[in-house]
Amino acid sequence: MYSELVTLLSGRTLDDEAVREMVAELDAALREPEEWMLDFDPETIRQLTVELAIIDYVLIGDKIDELHELISDEFAEPLKPFPYRDDNEKVLVADYFAWLDNELGARTPAWELLSWDNDLDDNLHVVIVRRLDTDRIVGLADSLGLRVSRATDAVRLP
């Protein structure tokens, strides 16, 4: 049943071998979760565990313009359209985060985007928080050993 589920959830894009590998990993994780978790270092487990606890507040995107749509959807008054460069190419991630920071800071209440580091994939994981809480959140995260930063300070950008 997991084979069919993985096949369907992947949009039927995986070949049989890839499906078998995923199902074997899934089986191992479900059969002996403690042993499966040994593949990860404690910091990654902590990061993932907290992210799963707050998953309803985490926005995940693999492309910055798609992430923009997810962020915009979180507000009753949508954000301005995604900013493109003069040559109609996407702005760089760092430039987008700087632009977005100004947009979110101008709202009432002021908001800020935090980058939630995730070693398990290459997607951008972000959380929108009240700007007045940002310093406390980053401080708490740091004291707990979590990798959380202002999106404008994020070092690891795809």
Protein backbone atom coordinates (compact mmCIF):
# COMPACT_ATOMS: atom_id res chain seq x y z
CA MET A 1 0.00 0.00 0.00
CA TYR A 2 2.87 2.40 0.74
CA SER A 3 4.21 1.79 -2.77
CA GLU A 4 0.97 2.93 -4.30
CA LEU A 5 0.70 5.87 -1.93
CA VAL A 6 4.25 7.05 -2.68
CA THR A 7 3.65 6.59 -6.41
CA LEU A 8 0.46 8.63 -6.32
CA LEU A 9 1.81 11.33 -3.98
CA SER A 10 4.80 11.81 -6.28
CA GLY A 11 2.47 12.44 -9.20
CA ARG A 12 3.63 9.15 -10.73
CA THR A 13 7.03 10.70 -11.48
CA LEU A 14 9.17 8.10 -9.68
CA ASP A 15 10.45 4.94 -11.30
CA ASP A 16 9.93 1.58 -9.58
CA GLU A 17 13.41 1.53 -8.02
CA ALA A 18 12.97 5.00 -6.48
CA VAL A 19 9.59 3.95 -5.09
CA ARG A 20 11.10 0.77 -3.60
CA GLU A 21 13.89 2.80 -1.95
CA MET A 22 11.44 5.30 -0.46
CA VAL A 23 9.14 2.57 0.79
CA ALA A 24 12.09 0.70 2.35
CA GLU A 25 13.14 3.88 4.16
CA LEU A 26 9.56 4.54 5.24
CA ASP A 27 9.18 0.95 6.44
CA ALA A 28 12.38 1.19 8.47
CA ALA A 29 11.30 4.50 10.00
CA LEU A 30 7.90 3.12 10.97
CA ARG A 31 9.17 -0.25 12.19
CA GLU A 32 12.03 1.10 14.32
CA PRO A 33 11.76 4.90 14.58
CA GLU A 34 14.46 5.15 17.24
CA GLU A 35 16.97 3.37 15.02
CA TRP A 36 15.94 5.42 11.98
CA MET A 37 16.51 8.63 13.94
CA LEU A 38 20.10 7.55 14.64
CA ASP A 39 20.89 8.59 11.07
CA PHE A 40 20.44 12.21 12.16
CA ASP A 41 22.54 14.27 14.51
CA PRO A 42 20.82 15.64 17.64
CA GLU A 43 20.71 19.18 16.24
CA THR A 44 18.87 18.04 13.12
CA ILE A 45 16.40 16.04 15.21
CA ARG A 46 15.76 19.05 17.46
CA GLN A 47 15.30 21.34 14.45
CA LEU A 48 12.91 18.91 12.77
CA THR A 49 10.94 18.17 15.94
CA VAL A 50 10.26 21.84 16.63
CA GLU A 51 9.41 22.45 12.98
CA LEU A 52 6.90 19.60 13.05
CA ALA A 53 5.34 21.03 16.20
CA ILE A 54 4.80 24.40 14.51
CA ILE A 55 4.25 23.07 10.99
CA ASP A 56 0.97 25.00 10.62
CA TYR A 57 3.02 28.21 10.75
CA VAL A 58 5.90 27.13 8.51
CA LEU A 59 5.79 28.07 4.84
CA ILE A 60 7.92 25.94 2.53
CA GLY A 61 8.78 26.71 -1.06
CA ASP A 62 11.40 25.67 -3.56
CA LYS A 63 11.13 28.83 -5.67
CA ILE A 64 11.16 32.34 -4.27
CA ASP A 65 8.19 33.55 -6.35
CA GLU A 66 6.12 30.57 -5.18
CA LEU A 67 7.12 31.29 -1.58
CA HIS A 68 5.99 34.88 -2.16
CA GLU A 69 2.49 33.62 -3.03
CA LEU A 70 2.37 31.49 0.13
CA ILE A 71 3.44 34.46 2.25
CA SER A 72 0.94 36.75 0.55
CA ASP A 73 -1.86 34.24 1.17
CA GLU A 74 -1.26 34.54 4.92
CA PHE A 75 -2.55 38.11 4.96
CA ALA A 76 -6.07 39.45 4.54
CA GLU A 77 -4.56 42.22 2.41
CA PRO A 78 -2.23 40.47 -0.05
CA LEU A 79 1.32 41.62 -0.66
CA LYS A 80 2.28 43.58 -3.75
CA PRO A 81 3.13 41.35 -6.71
CA PHE A 82 6.48 39.57 -6.71
CA PRO A 83 9.22 42.05 -7.65
CA TYR A 84 11.05 41.34 -10.90
CA ARG A 85 14.20 43.01 -12.16
CA ASP A 86 14.07 45.46 -15.06
CA ASP A 87 15.04 42.64 -17.46
CA ASN A 88 11.97 40.69 -16.23
CA GLU A 89 14.14 38.13 -14.40
CA LYS A 90 13.48 37.16 -10.78
CA VAL A 91 15.25 39.21 -8.15
CA LEU A 92 17.89 37.42 -6.09
CA VAL A 93 16.68 35.76 -2.90
CA ALA A 94 18.59 38.22 -0.71
CA ASP A 95 17.12 41.17 -2.64
CA TYR A 96 13.63 39.69 -2.34
CA PHE A 97 13.99 39.26 1.42
CA ALA A 98 15.16 42.89 1.75
CA TRP A 99 12.16 44.06 -0.31
CA LEU A 100 9.78 41.85 1.68
CA ASP A 101 11.21 43.06 4.98
CA ASN A 102 10.22 46.63 4.04
CA GLU A 103 6.75 45.47 2.97
CA LEU A 104 6.11 43.49 6.16
CA GLY A 105 7.56 46.21 8.38
CA ALA A 106 5.13 48.76 6.94
CA ARG A 107 2.08 46.72 7.97
CA THR A 108 0.15 47.14 11.20
CA PRO A 109 1.21 45.28 13.20
CA ALA A 110 4.69 45.03 11.71
CA TRP A 111 5.73 41.52 10.68
CA GLU A 112 9.05 39.88 9.91
CA LEU A 113 10.10 36.76 8.08
CA LEU A 114 12.33 34.25 9.85
CA SER A 115 14.36 31.63 8.06
CA TRP A 116 14.04 28.17 9.59
CA ASP A 117 17.15 26.22 8.63
CA ASN A 118 16.39 22.68 7.52
CA ASP A 119 19.15 20.21 6.66
CA LEU A 120 16.75 17.70 5.15
CA ASP A 121 15.94 19.49 1.89
CA ASP A 122 16.89 22.46 -0.26
CA ASN A 123 13.58 24.29 0.11
CA LEU A 124 13.16 27.61 1.85
CA HIS A 125 11.44 27.16 5.22
CA VAL A 126 10.14 30.41 6.71
CA VAL A 127 7.89 31.63 9.51
CA ILE A 128 6.10 34.98 9.62
CA VAL A 129 6.27 36.53 13.09
CA ARG A 130 5.41 39.82 14.71
CA ARG A 131 8.43 42.08 14.33
CA LEU A 132 8.31 43.07 18.00
CA ASP A 133 8.84 39.37 18.89
CA THR A 134 11.73 38.72 16.52
CA ASP A 135 14.63 39.43 18.89
CA ARG A 136 13.09 37.25 21.60
CA ILE A 137 12.37 34.40 19.15
CA VAL A 138 15.89 34.46 17.72
CA GLY A 139 17.34 34.59 21.25
CA LEU A 140 15.20 31.70 22.47
CA ALA A 141 16.00 29.67 19.36
CA ASP A 142 19.70 30.31 19.81
CA SER A 143 19.61 29.27 23.47
CA LEU A 144 17.78 26.06 22.46
CA GLY A 145 20.31 25.27 19.74
CA LEU A 146 17.89 25.93 16.89
CA ARG A 147 18.98 27.44 13.58
CA VAL A 148 16.61 30.36 13.13
CA SER A 149 17.51 33.78 11.74
CA ARG A 150 15.97 36.81 10.17
CA ALA A 151 15.41 36.02 6.50
CA THR A 152 17.41 39.15 5.67
CA ASP A 153 20.37 37.64 7.58
CA ALA A 154 20.02 34.10 6.21
CA VAL A 155 23.37 32.83 5.08
CA ARG A 156 22.27 29.64 3.31
CA LEU A 157 20.34 30.76 0.28
CA PRO A 158 19.47 28.45 -2.61
